[in-house]
Amino acid sequence: MTDGGSITAKWAKWLLQEDVDKSIDDQAEYFLFKFNSASGDEDVTRSKVLELKEEFSKFDDKKKGELEVDQAMRLLEARHETKTYTELRELLKSIDQNSNNLLSLLEWLCAFFNKSWETLTTPDAEVDVEAIKAELMAEAKKKEEEAQAAELEYQRARVQSMAVKEASAAAKQAKLEAEKEMTGVKKANAFFTRIAEESQEDANSNMTIEQQVKHEAALRKEKKRIKEQEELARKEREEAEIKAAQIAEEELKKAGVEKEKAYEDEKAKVAAEEEAKKQKEADERAASRARLKERMKMFEQN
């Protein structure tokens, strides 16, 4: 909704702007402005209107503030209207107050609350309709003048561009004539410089001013994209390096733990072997003493 003036005048201007798409938010607010408790419409509550607006928006795929026939049919079906296809079409025709084969939220709210379309679309008595129409016509004229000024500026720029091209062609011819008089390294440098300049000119020669502007914008966009990709690659590389370092550190820790375990296992194994060896030697000495003692006993008996 446009700014300026009283709220009543604002809504009247909004209503009279036929060439402007009316959002469902504005439609809901306008309906609440026209029908409310102050105007004696106690049945119209903000909560119910907003609820119906949200339901309506689910079928407004193009966000135009109006439903096409198939979308409107789906809305009615979602509300469990148990009617045949023909009956639904007839119902839509009766709701479609301006007969444009589209269902606006305002039309839907009028049908739901059983409100007068004429009352809804008639500006309030205190509004100066003619003044608003004159204001809208002035705004339309201003837009038309701005469009004409833009077209004149384009034509001026086009003529200027042609003059620049002609001057550039004359300068190029002068350089070519001067190059013919050169010799040796100086002539070679002039030749390669000219070839480089012509290559750049060829890239832009068939472009209009608008195309050149778009081309330059595309180049800037591409440079930005490349820079973003490079930055992303740099971040990914840094993250990969950090992750690799973490993995390496974990591997080192794991290797250290395994090394310590192997060391302790080997140490325990050697200790066990030493203990077994000592035990074996002790057993052998005990057995040897027992045999010696047995022989001594036999010798004493003899």
C-alpha atoms as a PDB file:
ATOM      1  CA  MET A   1       0.000   0.000   0.000  1.00  0.00           C
ATOM      2  CA  THR A   2       1.280   3.499  -0.832  1.00  0.00           C
ATOM      3  CA  ASP A   3       2.335   6.044   1.791  1.00  0.00           C
ATOM      4  CA  GLY A   4       0.958   9.527   2.363  1.00  0.00           C
ATOM      5  CA  GLY A   5      -2.437  10.942   3.402  1.00  0.00           C
ATOM      6  CA  SER A   6      -5.070   9.452   5.706  1.00  0.00           C
ATOM      7  CA  ILE A   7      -5.533   5.707   6.071  1.00  0.00           C
ATOM      8  CA  THR A   8      -8.897   5.947   4.296  1.00  0.00           C
ATOM      9  CA  ALA A   9      -7.313   7.808   1.366  1.00  0.00           C
ATOM     10  CA  LYS A  10      -4.431   5.309   1.227  1.00  0.00           C
ATOM     11  CA  TRP A  11      -6.793   2.361   0.938  1.00  0.00           C
ATOM     12  CA  ALA A  12      -8.938   4.159  -1.645  1.00  0.00           C
ATOM     13  CA  LYS A  13      -5.843   4.803  -3.760  1.00  0.00           C
ATOM     14  CA  TRP A  14      -4.787   1.176  -3.346  1.00  0.00           C
ATOM     15  CA  LEU A  15      -8.235   0.015  -4.494  1.00  0.00           C
ATOM     16  CA  LEU A  16      -8.216   2.263  -7.579  1.00  0.00           C
ATOM     17  CA  GLN A  17      -4.797   1.044  -8.786  1.00  0.00           C
ATOM     18  CA  GLU A  18      -6.119  -1.570 -11.201  1.00  0.00           C
ATOM     19  CA  ASP A  19      -2.772  -2.257 -12.925  1.00  0.00           C
ATOM     20  CA  VAL A  20      -0.983  -3.260  -9.707  1.00  0.00           C
ATOM     21  CA  ASP A  21      -0.930  -6.813  -8.312  1.00  0.00           C
ATOM     22  CA  LYS A  22      -2.552  -6.737  -4.891  1.00  0.00           C
ATOM     23  CA  SER A  23      -0.822  -8.955  -2.339  1.00  0.00           C
ATOM     24  CA  ILE A  24      -2.916 -11.186  -0.105  1.00  0.00           C
ATOM     25  CA  ASP A  25      -1.557  -9.311   2.930  1.00  0.00           C
ATOM     26  CA  ASP A  26      -2.935  -6.018   1.593  1.00  0.00           C
ATOM     27  CA  GLN A  27      -6.199  -7.683   0.560  1.00  0.00           C
ATOM     28  CA  ALA A  28      -6.681  -9.078   4.068  1.00  0.00           C
ATOM     29  CA  GLU A  29      -5.921  -5.711   5.686  1.00  0.00           C
ATOM     30  CA  TYR A  30      -8.248  -3.856   3.293  1.00  0.00           C
ATOM     31  CA  PHE A  31     -11.077  -6.286   4.063  1.00  0.00           C
ATOM     32  CA  LEU A  32     -10.523  -5.752   7.797  1.00  0.00           C
ATOM     33  CA  PHE A  33     -10.490  -1.981   7.203  1.00  0.00           C
ATOM     34  CA  LYS A  34     -13.856  -2.103   5.407  1.00  0.00           C
ATOM     35  CA  PHE A  35     -15.577  -4.652   7.647  1.00  0.00           C
ATOM     36  CA  ASN A  36     -14.908  -4.533  11.389  1.00  0.00           C
ATOM     37  CA  SER A  37     -16.645  -4.044  14.708  1.00  0.00           C
ATOM     38  CA  ALA A  38     -16.657  -0.253  14.189  1.00  0.00           C
ATOM     39  CA  SER A  39     -18.688  -0.720  11.006  1.00  0.00           C
ATOM     40  CA  GLY A  40     -21.049  -3.112  12.753  1.00  0.00           C
ATOM     41  CA  ASP A  41     -19.530  -6.306  11.331  1.00  0.00           C
ATOM     42  CA  GLU A  42     -18.980  -8.217  14.570  1.00  0.00           C
ATOM     43  CA  ASP A  43     -18.662 -11.529  12.705  1.00  0.00           C
ATOM     44  CA  VAL A  44     -15.459 -10.385  10.969  1.00  0.00           C
ATOM     45  CA  THR A  45     -12.517 -10.997  13.300  1.00  0.00           C
ATOM     46  CA  ARG A  46      -8.843 -10.446  12.549  1.00  0.00           C
ATOM     47  CA  SER A  47      -7.908 -13.956  13.669  1.00  0.00           C
ATOM     48  CA  LYS A  48     -10.423 -15.577  11.292  1.00  0.00           C
ATOM     49  CA  VAL A  49      -9.432 -13.367   8.343  1.00  0.00           C
ATOM     50  CA  LEU A  50      -5.736 -14.163   8.887  1.00  0.00           C
ATOM     51  CA  GLU A  51      -6.576 -17.861   9.177  1.00  0.00           C
ATOM     52  CA  LEU A  52      -8.410 -17.738   5.826  1.00  0.00           C
ATOM     53  CA  LYS A  53      -5.529 -15.757   4.300  1.00  0.00           C
ATOM     54  CA  GLU A  54      -3.002 -18.436   5.342  1.00  0.00           C
ATOM     55  CA  GLU A  55      -5.251 -21.162   3.927  1.00  0.00           C
ATOM     56  CA  PHE A  56      -5.644 -19.202   0.664  1.00  0.00           C
ATOM     57  CA  SER A  57      -1.857 -18.650   0.356  1.00  0.00           C
ATOM     58  CA  LYS A  58      -1.214 -22.416   0.296  1.00  0.00           C
ATOM     59  CA  PHE A  59      -2.911 -22.583  -3.118  1.00  0.00           C
ATOM     60  CA  ASP A  60      -1.528 -19.278  -4.469  1.00  0.00           C
ATOM     61  CA  ASP A  61       1.497 -20.918  -6.150  1.00  0.00           C
ATOM     62  CA  LYS A  62       2.424 -17.828  -8.180  1.00  0.00           C
ATOM     63  CA  LYS A  63       1.957 -15.446  -5.223  1.00  0.00           C
ATOM     64  CA  LYS A  64      -0.262 -13.170  -7.326  1.00  0.00           C
ATOM     65  CA  GLY A  65      -3.006 -12.738  -4.748  1.00  0.00           C
ATOM     66  CA  GLU A  66      -5.431 -14.552  -7.072  1.00  0.00           C
ATOM     67  CA  LEU A  67      -6.157 -18.224  -7.682  1.00  0.00           C
ATOM     68  CA  GLU A  68      -6.672 -19.741 -11.105  1.00  0.00           C
ATOM     69  CA  VAL A  69      -9.616 -22.083 -11.605  1.00  0.00           C
ATOM     70  CA  ASP A  70      -7.744 -25.300 -10.770  1.00  0.00           C
ATOM     71  CA  GLN A  71      -6.201 -23.718  -7.660  1.00  0.00           C
ATOM     72  CA  ALA A  72      -9.578 -22.381  -6.530  1.00  0.00           C
ATOM     73  CA  MET A  73     -11.117 -25.832  -7.052  1.00  0.00           C
ATOM     74  CA  ARG A  74      -8.425 -27.326  -4.816  1.00  0.00           C
ATOM     75  CA  LEU A  75      -9.203 -24.701  -2.166  1.00  0.00           C
ATOM     76  CA  LEU A  76     -12.887 -25.613  -2.199  1.00  0.00           C
ATOM     77  CA  GLU A  77     -12.080 -29.340  -2.103  1.00  0.00           C
ATOM     78  CA  ALA A  78      -9.749 -28.754   0.867  1.00  0.00           C
ATOM     79  CA  ARG A  79     -12.707 -27.186   2.664  1.00  0.00           C
ATOM     80  CA  HIS A  80     -14.651 -30.423   2.101  1.00  0.00           C
ATOM     81  CA  GLU A  81     -17.170 -28.898  -0.313  1.00  0.00           C
ATOM     82  CA  THR A  82     -19.065 -32.065  -1.276  1.00  0.00           C
ATOM     83  CA  LYS A  83     -20.163 -30.965  -4.731  1.00  0.00           C
ATOM     84  CA  THR A  84     -19.748 -32.238  -8.282  1.00  0.00           C
ATOM     85  CA  TYR A  85     -17.246 -30.633 -10.620  1.00  0.00           C
ATOM     86  CA  THR A  86     -20.007 -28.719 -12.397  1.00  0.00           C
ATOM     87  CA  GLU A  87     -21.433 -27.499  -9.099  1.00  0.00           C
ATOM     88  CA  LEU A  88     -18.001 -26.329  -7.967  1.00  0.00           C
ATOM     89  CA  ARG A  89     -17.532 -24.425 -11.237  1.00  0.00           C
ATOM     90  CA  GLU A  90     -20.895 -22.734 -10.788  1.00  0.00           C
ATOM     91  CA  LEU A  91     -19.966 -21.865  -7.197  1.00  0.00           C
ATOM     92  CA  LEU A  92     -16.728 -20.292  -8.402  1.00  0.00           C
ATOM     93  CA  LYS A  93     -18.607 -18.258 -11.017  1.00  0.00           C
ATOM     94  CA  SER A  94     -20.896 -16.885  -8.320  1.00  0.00           C
ATOM     95  CA  ILE A  95     -17.892 -15.938  -6.149  1.00  0.00           C
ATOM     96  CA  ASP A  96     -15.893 -14.430  -9.055  1.00  0.00           C
ATOM     97  CA  GLN A  97     -17.372 -10.938  -8.787  1.00  0.00           C
ATOM     98  CA  ASN A  98     -15.350  -9.314 -11.608  1.00  0.00           C
ATOM     99  CA  SER A  99     -15.736 -12.347 -13.957  1.00  0.00           C
ATOM    100  CA  ASN A 100     -12.014 -12.585 -14.751  1.00  0.00           C
ATOM    101  CA  ASN A 101     -11.871 -16.365 -14.116  1.00  0.00           C
ATOM    102  CA  LEU A 102      -9.623 -15.712 -11.115  1.00  0.00           C
ATOM    103  CA  LEU A 103     -10.468 -15.907  -7.427  1.00  0.00           C
ATOM    104  CA  SER A 104      -8.970 -13.114  -5.322  1.00  0.00           C
ATOM    105  CA  LEU A 105      -8.717 -13.262  -1.553  1.00  0.00           C
ATOM    106  CA  LEU A 106     -11.183 -10.360  -1.360  1.00  0.00           C
ATOM    107  CA  GLU A 107     -13.743 -12.340  -3.382  1.00  0.00           C
ATOM    108  CA  TRP A 108     -13.173 -15.379  -1.187  1.00  0.00           C
ATOM    109  CA  LEU A 109     -13.570 -13.350   2.034  1.00  0.00           C
ATOM    110  CA  CYS A 110     -16.768 -11.720   0.741  1.00  0.00           C
ATOM    111  CA  ALA A 111     -18.205 -15.153  -0.038  1.00  0.00           C
ATOM    112  CA  PHE A 112     -17.120 -16.636   3.300  1.00  0.00           C
ATOM    113  CA  PHE A 113     -18.486 -13.788   5.439  1.00  0.00           C
ATOM    114  CA  ASN A 114     -21.409 -13.090   3.059  1.00  0.00           C
ATOM    115  CA  LYS A 115     -20.404  -9.446   2.551  1.00  0.00           C
ATOM    116  CA  SER A 116     -21.362  -7.094  -0.284  1.00  0.00           C
ATOM    117  CA  TRP A 117     -18.817  -6.814  -3.079  1.00  0.00           C
ATOM    118  CA  GLU A 118     -20.222  -3.421  -4.002  1.00  0.00           C
ATOM    119  CA  THR A 119     -19.707  -2.146  -0.454  1.00  0.00           C
ATOM    120  CA  LEU A 120     -16.183  -3.536  -0.440  1.00  0.00           C
ATOM    121  CA  THR A 121     -15.175  -1.922  -3.726  1.00  0.00           C
ATOM    122  CA  THR A 122     -16.873   1.445  -3.194  1.00  0.00           C
ATOM    123  CA  PRO A 123     -14.537   4.078  -1.691  1.00  0.00           C
ATOM    124  CA  ASP A 124     -15.760   5.650   1.536  1.00  0.00           C
ATOM    125  CA  ALA A 125     -17.866   8.785   1.161  1.00  0.00           C
ATOM    126  CA  GLU A 126     -15.242  11.100   2.647  1.00  0.00           C
ATOM    127  CA  VAL A 127     -12.696  10.132  -0.016  1.00  0.00           C
ATOM    128  CA  ASP A 128     -12.119  12.476  -2.968  1.00  0.00           C
ATOM    129  CA  VAL A 129     -12.082   9.816  -5.692  1.00  0.00           C
ATOM    130  CA  GLU A 130     -11.442  12.288  -8.501  1.00  0.00           C
ATOM    131  CA  ALA A 131      -8.406  13.688  -6.683  1.00  0.00           C
ATOM    132  CA  ILE A 132      -7.003  10.194  -6.207  1.00  0.00           C
ATOM    133  CA  LYS A 133      -7.603   9.348  -9.874  1.00  0.00           C
ATOM    134  CA  ALA A 134      -5.817  12.568 -10.844  1.00  0.00           C
ATOM    135  CA  GLU A 135      -2.916  11.608  -8.558  1.00  0.00           C
ATOM    136  CA  LEU A 136      -2.700   8.158 -10.143  1.00  0.00           C
ATOM    137  CA  MET A 137      -2.776   9.686 -13.632  1.00  0.00           C
ATOM    138  CA  ALA A 138       0.017  12.072 -12.628  1.00  0.00           C
ATOM    139  CA  GLU A 139       2.100   9.165 -11.327  1.00  0.00           C
ATOM    140  CA  ALA A 140       1.488   7.204 -14.542  1.00  0.00           C
ATOM    141  CA  LYS A 141       2.475  10.245 -16.621  1.00  0.00           C
ATOM    142  CA  LYS A 142       5.639  10.664 -14.554  1.00  0.00           C
ATOM    143  CA  LYS A 143       6.580   7.024 -15.132  1.00  0.00           C
ATOM    144  CA  GLU A 144       5.958   7.458 -18.869  1.00  0.00           C
ATOM    145  CA  GLU A 145       8.136  10.580 -18.937  1.00  0.00           C
ATOM    146  CA  GLU A 146      10.881   8.745 -17.039  1.00  0.00           C
ATOM    147  CA  ALA A 147      10.713   5.911 -19.583  1.00  0.00           C
ATOM    148  CA  GLN A 148      10.953   8.401 -22.457  1.00  0.00           C
ATOM    149  CA  ALA A 149      13.907  10.131 -20.769  1.00  0.00           C
ATOM    150  CA  ALA A 150      15.622   6.763 -20.362  1.00  0.00           C
ATOM    151  CA  GLU A 151      15.061   6.027 -24.064  1.00  0.00           C
ATOM    152  CA  LEU A 152      16.528   9.431 -25.034  1.00  0.00           C
ATOM    153  CA  GLU A 153      19.533   8.794 -22.795  1.00  0.00           C
ATOM    154  CA  TYR A 154      20.017   5.421 -24.447  1.00  0.00           C
ATOM    155  CA  GLN A 155      19.899   6.971 -27.928  1.00  0.00           C
ATOM    156  CA  ARG A 156      22.331   9.711 -26.838  1.00  0.00           C
ATOM    157  CA  ALA A 157      24.714   7.110 -25.441  1.00  0.00           C
ATOM    158  CA  ARG A 158      24.360   5.113 -28.663  1.00  0.00           C
ATOM    159  CA  VAL A 159      25.295   8.137 -30.797  1.00  0.00           C
ATOM    160  CA  GLN A 160      28.192   8.882 -28.465  1.00  0.00           C
ATOM    161  CA  SER A 161      29.327   5.283 -28.725  1.00  0.00           C
ATOM    162  CA  MET A 162      29.290   5.501 -32.526  1.00  0.00           C
ATOM    163  CA  ALA A 163      31.370   8.698 -32.353  1.00  0.00           C
ATOM    164  CA  VAL A 164      33.850   6.974 -30.050  1.00  0.00           C
ATOM    165  CA  LYS A 165      34.076   4.044 -32.464  1.00  0.00           C
ATOM    166  CA  GLU A 166      34.720   6.391 -35.396  1.00  0.00           C
ATOM    167  CA  ALA A 167      37.431   8.215 -33.440  1.00  0.00           C
ATOM    168  CA  SER A 168      38.933   4.878 -32.444  1.00  0.00           C
ATOM    169  CA  ALA A 169      38.990   3.746 -36.086  1.00  0.00           C
ATOM    170  CA  ALA A 170      40.743   6.976 -37.117  1.00  0.00           C
ATOM    171  CA  ALA A 171      43.320   6.565 -34.339  1.00  0.00           C
ATOM    172  CA  LYS A 172      43.893   2.957 -35.361  1.00  0.00           C
ATOM    173  CA  GLN A 173      44.486   3.985 -38.971  1.00  0.00           C
ATOM    174  CA  ALA A 174      46.953   6.652 -37.836  1.00  0.00           C
ATOM    175  CA  LYS A 175      48.845   4.063 -35.768  1.00  0.00           C
ATOM    176  CA  LEU A 176      48.918   1.714 -38.754  1.00  0.00           C
ATOM    177  CA  GLU A 177      50.360   4.446 -40.992  1.00  0.00           C
ATOM    178  CA  ALA A 178      52.978   5.281 -38.368  1.00  0.00           C
ATOM    179  CA  GLU A 179      53.845   1.582 -37.992  1.00  0.00           C
ATOM    180  CA  LYS A 180      54.660   1.367 -41.706  1.00  0.00           C
ATOM    181  CA  GLU A 181      57.400   3.943 -41.194  1.00  0.00           C
ATOM    182  CA  MET A 182      58.995   2.019 -38.292  1.00  0.00           C
ATOM    183  CA  THR A 183      61.806  -0.536 -38.512  1.00  0.00           C
ATOM    184  CA  GLY A 184      63.413  -3.244 -36.403  1.00  0.00           C
ATOM    185  CA  VAL A 185      62.430  -3.868 -32.780  1.00  0.00           C
ATOM    186  CA  LYS A 186      60.282  -0.744 -32.616  1.00  0.00           C
ATOM    187  CA  LYS A 187      58.159  -1.982 -35.525  1.00  0.00           C
ATOM    188  CA  ALA A 188      57.837  -5.454 -33.976  1.00  0.00           C
ATOM    189  CA  ASN A 189      56.684  -3.997 -30.626  1.00  0.00           C
ATOM    190  CA  ALA A 190      54.128  -1.779 -32.370  1.00  0.00           C
ATOM    191  CA  PHE A 191      52.850  -4.767 -34.368  1.00  0.00           C
ATOM    192  CA  PHE A 192      52.289  -7.008 -31.347  1.00  0.00           C
ATOM    193  CA  THR A 193      50.695  -4.147 -29.372  1.00  0.00           C
ATOM    194  CA  ARG A 194      48.256  -3.542 -32.242  1.00  0.00           C
ATOM    195  CA  ILE A 195      47.353  -7.235 -32.476  1.00  0.00           C
ATOM    196  CA  ALA A 196      46.601  -7.350 -28.719  1.00  0.00           C
ATOM    197  CA  GLU A 197      44.405  -4.239 -28.925  1.00  0.00           C
ATOM    198  CA  GLU A 198      42.508  -5.589 -31.946  1.00  0.00           C
ATOM    199  CA  SER A 199      41.840  -8.876 -30.138  1.00  0.00           C
ATOM    200  CA  GLN A 200      40.250  -6.980 -27.248  1.00  0.00           C
ATOM    201  CA  GLU A 201      38.225  -4.817 -29.628  1.00  0.00           C
ATOM    202  CA  ASP A 202      36.948  -7.879 -31.497  1.00  0.00           C
ATOM    203  CA  ALA A 203      35.501  -9.204 -28.242  1.00  0.00           C
ATOM    204  CA  ASN A 204      33.398  -6.039 -27.816  1.00  0.00           C
ATOM    205  CA  SER A 205      32.842  -4.938 -31.432  1.00  0.00           C
ATOM    206  CA  ASN A 206      29.434  -6.556 -31.915  1.00  0.00           C
ATOM    207  CA  MET A 207      28.038  -5.606 -28.512  1.00  0.00           C
ATOM    208  CA  THR A 208      25.504  -2.872 -27.869  1.00  0.00           C
ATOM    209  CA  ILE A 209      26.002  -0.616 -24.857  1.00  0.00           C
ATOM    210  CA  GLU A 210      23.489  -2.690 -22.921  1.00  0.00           C
ATOM    211  CA  GLN A 211      25.287  -5.898 -23.906  1.00  0.00           C
ATOM    212  CA  GLN A 212      28.661  -4.439 -22.913  1.00  0.00           C
ATOM    213  CA  VAL A 213      27.272  -3.442 -19.520  1.00  0.00           C
ATOM    214  CA  LYS A 214      25.852  -6.944 -19.055  1.00  0.00           C
ATOM    215  CA  HIS A 215      29.117  -8.460 -20.306  1.00  0.00           C
ATOM    216  CA  GLU A 216      31.164  -6.453 -17.813  1.00  0.00           C
ATOM    217  CA  ALA A 217      28.718  -7.332 -15.036  1.00  0.00           C
ATOM    218  CA  ALA A 218      29.017 -11.008 -15.999  1.00  0.00           C
ATOM    219  CA  LEU A 219      32.815 -10.722 -15.901  1.00  0.00           C
ATOM    220  CA  ARG A 220      32.681  -9.172 -12.434  1.00  0.00           C
ATOM    221  CA  LYS A 221      30.282 -11.886 -11.324  1.00  0.00           C
ATOM    222  CA  GLU A 222      32.569 -14.583 -12.752  1.00  0.00           C
ATOM    223  CA  LYS A 223      35.616 -13.047 -11.043  1.00  0.00           C
ATOM    224  CA  LYS A 224      33.681 -12.981  -7.790  1.00  0.00           C
ATOM    225  CA  ARG A 225      32.646 -16.622  -8.281  1.00  0.00           C
ATOM    226  CA  ILE A 226      36.244 -17.664  -8.990  1.00  0.00           C
ATOM    227  CA  LYS A 227      37.445 -15.755  -5.929  1.00  0.00           C
ATOM    228  CA  GLU A 228      34.785 -17.432  -3.789  1.00  0.00           C
ATOM    229  CA  GLN A 229      35.779 -20.839  -5.179  1.00  0.00           C
ATOM    230  CA  GLU A 230      39.434 -20.113  -4.432  1.00  0.00           C
ATOM    231  CA  GLU A 231      38.511 -19.040  -0.906  1.00  0.00           C
ATOM    232  CA  LEU A 232      36.410 -22.177  -0.465  1.00  0.00           C
ATOM    233  CA  ALA A 233      39.254 -24.333  -1.794  1.00  0.00           C
ATOM    234  CA  ARG A 234      41.666 -22.593   0.585  1.00  0.00           C
ATOM    235  CA  LYS A 235      39.378 -23.242   3.554  1.00  0.00           C
ATOM    236  CA  GLU A 236      38.875 -26.863   2.510  1.00  0.00           C
ATOM    237  CA  ARG A 237      42.640 -27.275   2.130  1.00  0.00           C
ATOM    238  CA  GLU A 238      43.248 -25.787   5.580  1.00  0.00           C
ATOM    239  CA  GLU A 239      40.544 -27.988   7.094  1.00  0.00           C
ATOM    240  CA  ALA A 240      42.056 -31.023   5.354  1.00  0.00           C
ATOM    241  CA  GLU A 241      45.512 -30.120   6.667  1.00  0.00           C
ATOM    242  CA  ILE A 242      44.151 -29.693  10.199  1.00  0.00           C
ATOM    243  CA  LYS A 243      42.296 -32.994   9.943  1.00  0.00           C
ATOM    244  CA  ALA A 244      45.399 -34.732   8.559  1.00  0.00           C
ATOM    245  CA  ALA A 245      47.455 -33.318  11.428  1.00  0.00           C
ATOM    246  CA  GLN A 246      44.862 -34.543  13.916  1.00  0.00           C
ATOM    247  CA  ILE A 247      44.846 -37.991  12.316  1.00  0.00           C
ATOM    248  CA  ALA A 248      48.646 -38.056  12.318  1.00  0.00           C
ATOM    249  CA  GLU A 249      48.692 -37.044  15.967  1.00  0.00           C
ATOM    250  CA  GLU A 250      46.149 -39.724  16.798  1.00  0.00           C
ATOM    251  CA  GLU A 251      48.201 -42.269  14.847  1.00  0.00           C
ATOM    252  CA  LEU A 252      51.327 -41.218  16.729  1.00  0.00           C
ATOM    253  CA  LYS A 253      49.499 -41.561  20.023  1.00  0.00           C
ATOM    254  CA  LYS A 254      48.145 -44.918  18.932  1.00  0.00           C
ATOM    255  CA  ALA A 255      51.594 -46.005  17.794  1.00  0.00           C
ATOM    256  CA  GLY A 256      53.053 -44.800  21.105  1.00  0.00           C
ATOM    257  CA  VAL A 257      50.474 -46.761  23.087  1.00  0.00           C
ATOM    258  CA  GLU A 258      51.090 -49.850  20.981  1.00  0.00           C
ATOM    259  CA  LYS A 259      54.838 -49.403  21.374  1.00  0.00           C
ATOM    260  CA  GLU A 260      54.522 -49.080  25.144  1.00  0.00           C
ATOM    261  CA  LYS A 261      52.258 -52.133  25.253  1.00  0.00           C
ATOM    262  CA  ALA A 262      54.698 -54.137  23.145  1.00  0.00           C
ATOM    263  CA  TYR A 263      57.519 -53.027  25.435  1.00  0.00           C
ATOM    264  CA  GLU A 264      55.613 -54.022  28.580  1.00  0.00           C
ATOM    265  CA  ASP A 265      54.526 -57.317  27.014  1.00  0.00           C
ATOM    266  CA  GLU A 266      58.096 -58.121  26.005  1.00  0.00           C
ATOM    267  CA  LYS A 267      59.359 -57.121  29.443  1.00  0.00           C
ATOM    268  CA  ALA A 268      56.756 -59.318  31.136  1.00  0.00           C
ATOM    269  CA  LYS A 269      57.567 -62.195  28.784  1.00  0.00           C
ATOM    270  CA  VAL A 270      61.293 -61.979  29.514  1.00  0.00           C
ATOM    271  CA  ALA A 271      60.615 -61.712  33.255  1.00  0.00           C
ATOM    272  CA  ALA A 272      58.358 -64.753  33.080  1.00  0.00           C
ATOM    273  CA  GLU A 273      60.992 -66.681  31.148  1.00  0.00           C
ATOM    274  CA  GLU A 274      63.661 -65.663  33.698  1.00  0.00           C
ATOM    275  CA  GLU A 275      61.399 -66.712  36.532  1.00  0.00           C
ATOM    276  CA  ALA A 276      60.680 -70.029  34.828  1.00  0.00           C
ATOM    277  CA  LYS A 277      64.394 -70.559  34.240  1.00  0.00           C
ATOM    278  CA  LYS A 278      65.198 -69.799  37.885  1.00  0.00           C
ATOM    279  CA  GLN A 279      62.429 -72.111  39.023  1.00  0.00           C
ATOM    280  CA  LYS A 280      63.718 -74.871  36.757  1.00  0.00           C
ATOM    281  CA  GLU A 281      67.257 -74.453  38.073  1.00  0.00           C
ATOM    282  CA  ALA A 282      65.966 -74.469  41.659  1.00  0.00           C
ATOM    283  CA  ASP A 283      63.973 -77.607  40.956  1.00  0.00           C
ATOM    284  CA  GLU A 284      67.007 -79.257  39.389  1.00  0.00           C
ATOM    285  CA  ARG A 285      69.184 -78.340  42.403  1.00  0.00           C
ATOM    286  CA  ALA A 286      66.557 -79.658  44.782  1.00  0.00           C
ATOM    287  CA  ALA A 287      66.313 -82.871  42.797  1.00  0.00           C
ATOM    288  CA  SER A 288      70.103 -83.175  42.772  1.00  0.00           C
ATOM    289  CA  ARG A 289      70.266 -82.703  46.552  1.00  0.00           C
ATOM    290  CA  ALA A 290      67.530 -85.253  47.024  1.00  0.00           C
ATOM    291  CA  ARG A 291      69.432 -87.799  44.926  1.00  0.00           C
ATOM    292  CA  LEU A 292      72.654 -87.070  46.820  1.00  0.00           C
ATOM    293  CA  LYS A 293      70.872 -87.437  50.121  1.00  0.00           C
ATOM    294  CA  GLU A 294      69.401 -90.744  48.995  1.00  0.00           C
ATOM    295  CA  ARG A 295      72.863 -92.059  48.061  1.00  0.00           C
ATOM    296  CA  MET A 296      74.274 -90.990  51.437  1.00  0.00           C
ATOM    297  CA  LYS A 297      71.495 -92.800  53.171  1.00  0.00           C
ATOM    298  CA  MET A 298      72.159 -95.992  51.226  1.00  0.00           C
ATOM    299  CA  PHE A 299      75.892 -95.685  51.925  1.00  0.00           C
ATOM    300  CA  GLU A 300      75.288 -95.393  55.683  1.00  0.00           C
ATOM    301  CA  GLN A 301      73.071 -98.451  55.665  1.00  0.00           C
ATOM    302  CA  ASN A 302      75.795-100.507  54.049  1.00  0.00           C
END
